[in-house]
C-alpha atoms as a PDB file:
ATOM      1  CA  SER A   1     -16.810  -0.878 -19.962  1.00  0.00           C
ATOM      2  CA  SER A   2     -17.262   0.535 -16.517  1.00  0.00           C
ATOM      3  CA  GLY A   3     -16.174  -2.362 -14.344  1.00  0.00           C
ATOM      4  CA  THR A   4     -13.163  -4.630 -13.877  1.00  0.00           C
ATOM      5  CA  VAL A   5     -11.801  -6.755 -16.719  1.00  0.00           C
ATOM      6  CA  ASN A   6      -9.193  -9.498 -16.423  1.00  0.00           C
ATOM      7  CA  SER A   7      -8.652  -9.087 -12.667  1.00  0.00           C
ATOM      8  CA  SER A   8      -6.703 -11.585 -10.545  1.00  0.00           C
ATOM      9  CA  SER A   9      -5.603 -11.507  -6.918  1.00  0.00           C
ATOM     10  CA  GLY A  10      -3.538 -13.975  -4.858  1.00  0.00           C
ATOM     11  CA  THR A  11      -1.699 -14.161  -1.533  1.00  0.00           C
ATOM     12  CA  VAL A  12       1.227 -16.610  -1.286  1.00  0.00           C
ATOM     13  CA  ASN A  13       3.694 -17.551   1.459  1.00  0.00           C
ATOM     14  CA  SER A  14       2.719 -15.007   4.130  1.00  0.00           C
ATOM     15  CA  SER A  15       4.543 -15.293   7.468  1.00  0.00           C
ATOM     16  CA  SER A  16       2.950 -12.301   9.169  1.00  0.00           C
ATOM     17  CA  GLY A  17       2.239 -10.008   6.254  1.00  0.00           C
ATOM     18  CA  THR A  18       1.403 -10.290   2.583  1.00  0.00           C
ATOM     19  CA  VAL A  19       3.871 -12.018   0.281  1.00  0.00           C
ATOM     20  CA  ASP A  20       3.669 -12.103  -3.496  1.00  0.00           C
ATOM     21  CA  SER A  21       0.162 -10.711  -3.736  1.00  0.00           C
ATOM     22  CA  SER A  22      -0.852  -9.273  -7.086  1.00  0.00           C
ATOM     23  CA  SER A  23      -4.018  -7.597  -8.284  1.00  0.00           C
ATOM     24  CA  ARG A  24      -4.733  -6.195 -11.731  1.00  0.00           C
ATOM     25  CA  THR A  25      -7.524  -4.176 -13.289  1.00  0.00           C
ATOM     26  CA  VAL A  26      -7.410  -3.800 -17.067  1.00  0.00           C
ATOM     27  CA  ASN A  27      -9.338  -1.706 -19.582  1.00  0.00           C
ATOM     28  CA  SER A  28     -11.731   0.234 -17.347  1.00  0.00           C
ATOM     29  CA  PRO A  29     -12.281   3.592 -19.138  1.00  0.00           C
ATOM     30  CA  PRO A  30     -13.888   5.535 -16.241  1.00  0.00           C
ATOM     31  CA  GLY A  31     -11.662   4.042 -13.530  1.00  0.00           C
ATOM     32  CA  THR A  32      -8.233   2.463 -13.303  1.00  0.00           C
ATOM     33  CA  VAL A  33      -6.618   0.975 -16.402  1.00  0.00           C
ATOM     34  CA  ASN A  34      -3.853  -1.626 -16.311  1.00  0.00           C
ATOM     35  CA  SER A  35      -2.980  -1.138 -12.627  1.00  0.00           C
ATOM     36  CA  SER A  36      -0.945  -3.716 -10.721  1.00  0.00           C
ATOM     37  CA  SER A  37       0.255  -3.878  -7.135  1.00  0.00           C
ATOM     38  CA  ARG A  38       2.553  -6.427  -5.506  1.00  0.00           C
ATOM     39  CA  THR A  39       3.964  -6.992  -2.032  1.00  0.00           C
ATOM     40  CA  VAL A  40       6.753  -9.580  -1.712  1.00  0.00           C
ATOM     41  CA  ASN A  41       8.554 -11.191   1.256  1.00  0.00           C
ATOM     42  CA  SER A  42       7.306  -9.019   4.113  1.00  0.00           C
ATOM     43  CA  PRO A  43       8.209 -10.420   7.567  1.00  0.00           C
ATOM     44  CA  SER A  44       6.382  -7.724   9.510  1.00  0.00           C
ATOM     45  CA  GLY A  45       6.102  -4.763   7.158  1.00  0.00           C
ATOM     46  CA  THR A  46       6.102  -4.059   3.454  1.00  0.00           C
ATOM     47  CA  VAL A  47       8.965  -5.330   1.308  1.00  0.00           C
ATOM     48  CA  ASN A  48       9.377  -4.859  -2.426  1.00  0.00           C
ATOM     49  CA  SER A  49       5.961  -3.337  -3.011  1.00  0.00           C
ATOM     50  CA  SER A  50       5.211  -1.674  -6.336  1.00  0.00           C
ATOM     51  CA  SER A  51       2.061  -0.169  -7.736  1.00  0.00           C
ATOM     52  CA  ARG A  52       1.478   1.169 -11.215  1.00  0.00           C
ATOM     53  CA  THR A  53      -1.441   2.764 -13.002  1.00  0.00           C
ATOM     54  CA  VAL A  54      -1.109   3.137 -16.764  1.00  0.00           C
ATOM     55  CA  ASN A  55      -3.301   4.771 -19.408  1.00  0.00           C
ATOM     56  CA  SER A  56      -6.151   5.930 -17.183  1.00  0.00           C
ATOM     57  CA  PRO A  57      -8.140   8.577 -19.103  1.00  0.00           C
ATOM     58  CA  SER A  58      -9.754  10.029 -15.998  1.00  0.00           C
ATOM     59  CA  GLY A  59      -7.322   9.021 -13.247  1.00  0.00           C
ATOM     60  CA  THR A  60      -3.588   8.534 -12.793  1.00  0.00           C
ATOM     61  CA  VAL A  61      -1.389   7.800 -15.803  1.00  0.00           C
ATOM     62  CA  ASN A  62       1.838   5.834 -15.570  1.00  0.00           C
ATOM     63  CA  SER A  63       2.588   6.433 -11.874  1.00  0.00           C
ATOM     64  CA  SER A  64       4.847   4.050  -9.977  1.00  0.00           C
ATOM     65  CA  SER A  65       5.858   3.772  -6.330  1.00  0.00           C
ATOM     66  CA  GLY A  66       7.981   1.150  -4.575  1.00  0.00           C
ATOM     67  CA  THR A  67       8.949   0.167  -1.038  1.00  0.00           C
ATOM     68  CA  VAL A  68      11.916  -2.217  -0.741  1.00  0.00           C
ATOM     69  CA  ASN A  69      13.367  -4.369   2.054  1.00  0.00           C
ATOM     70  CA  SER A  70      11.628  -2.938   5.124  1.00  0.00           C
ATOM     71  CA  PRO A  71      11.594  -5.432   8.029  1.00  0.00           C
ATOM     72  CA  SER A  72       9.305  -3.380  10.250  1.00  0.00           C
ATOM     73  CA  GLY A  73       8.919  -0.005   8.576  1.00  0.00           C
ATOM     74  CA  THR A  74       9.156   1.691   5.224  1.00  0.00           C
ATOM     75  CA  VAL A  75      12.482   1.995   3.415  1.00  0.00           C
ATOM     76  CA  ASN A  76      13.287   3.679   0.102  1.00  0.00           C
END
């Protein structure tokens, strides 16, 4: 496959940012495999955001980054 399989995205309960939004791309050999990103409870910045890319043969493998509890900036 060379596209996006089993992808879902949603935005829930956003006051002025993006809250509980998730997107996933699964089983794309020449792109991103099993990647997910989520941003939760952000009043004016990014809170509890994580992104992960796993098992990508030609990209990034098993990388994770997170930003937690930032009211108007980036923390942690």
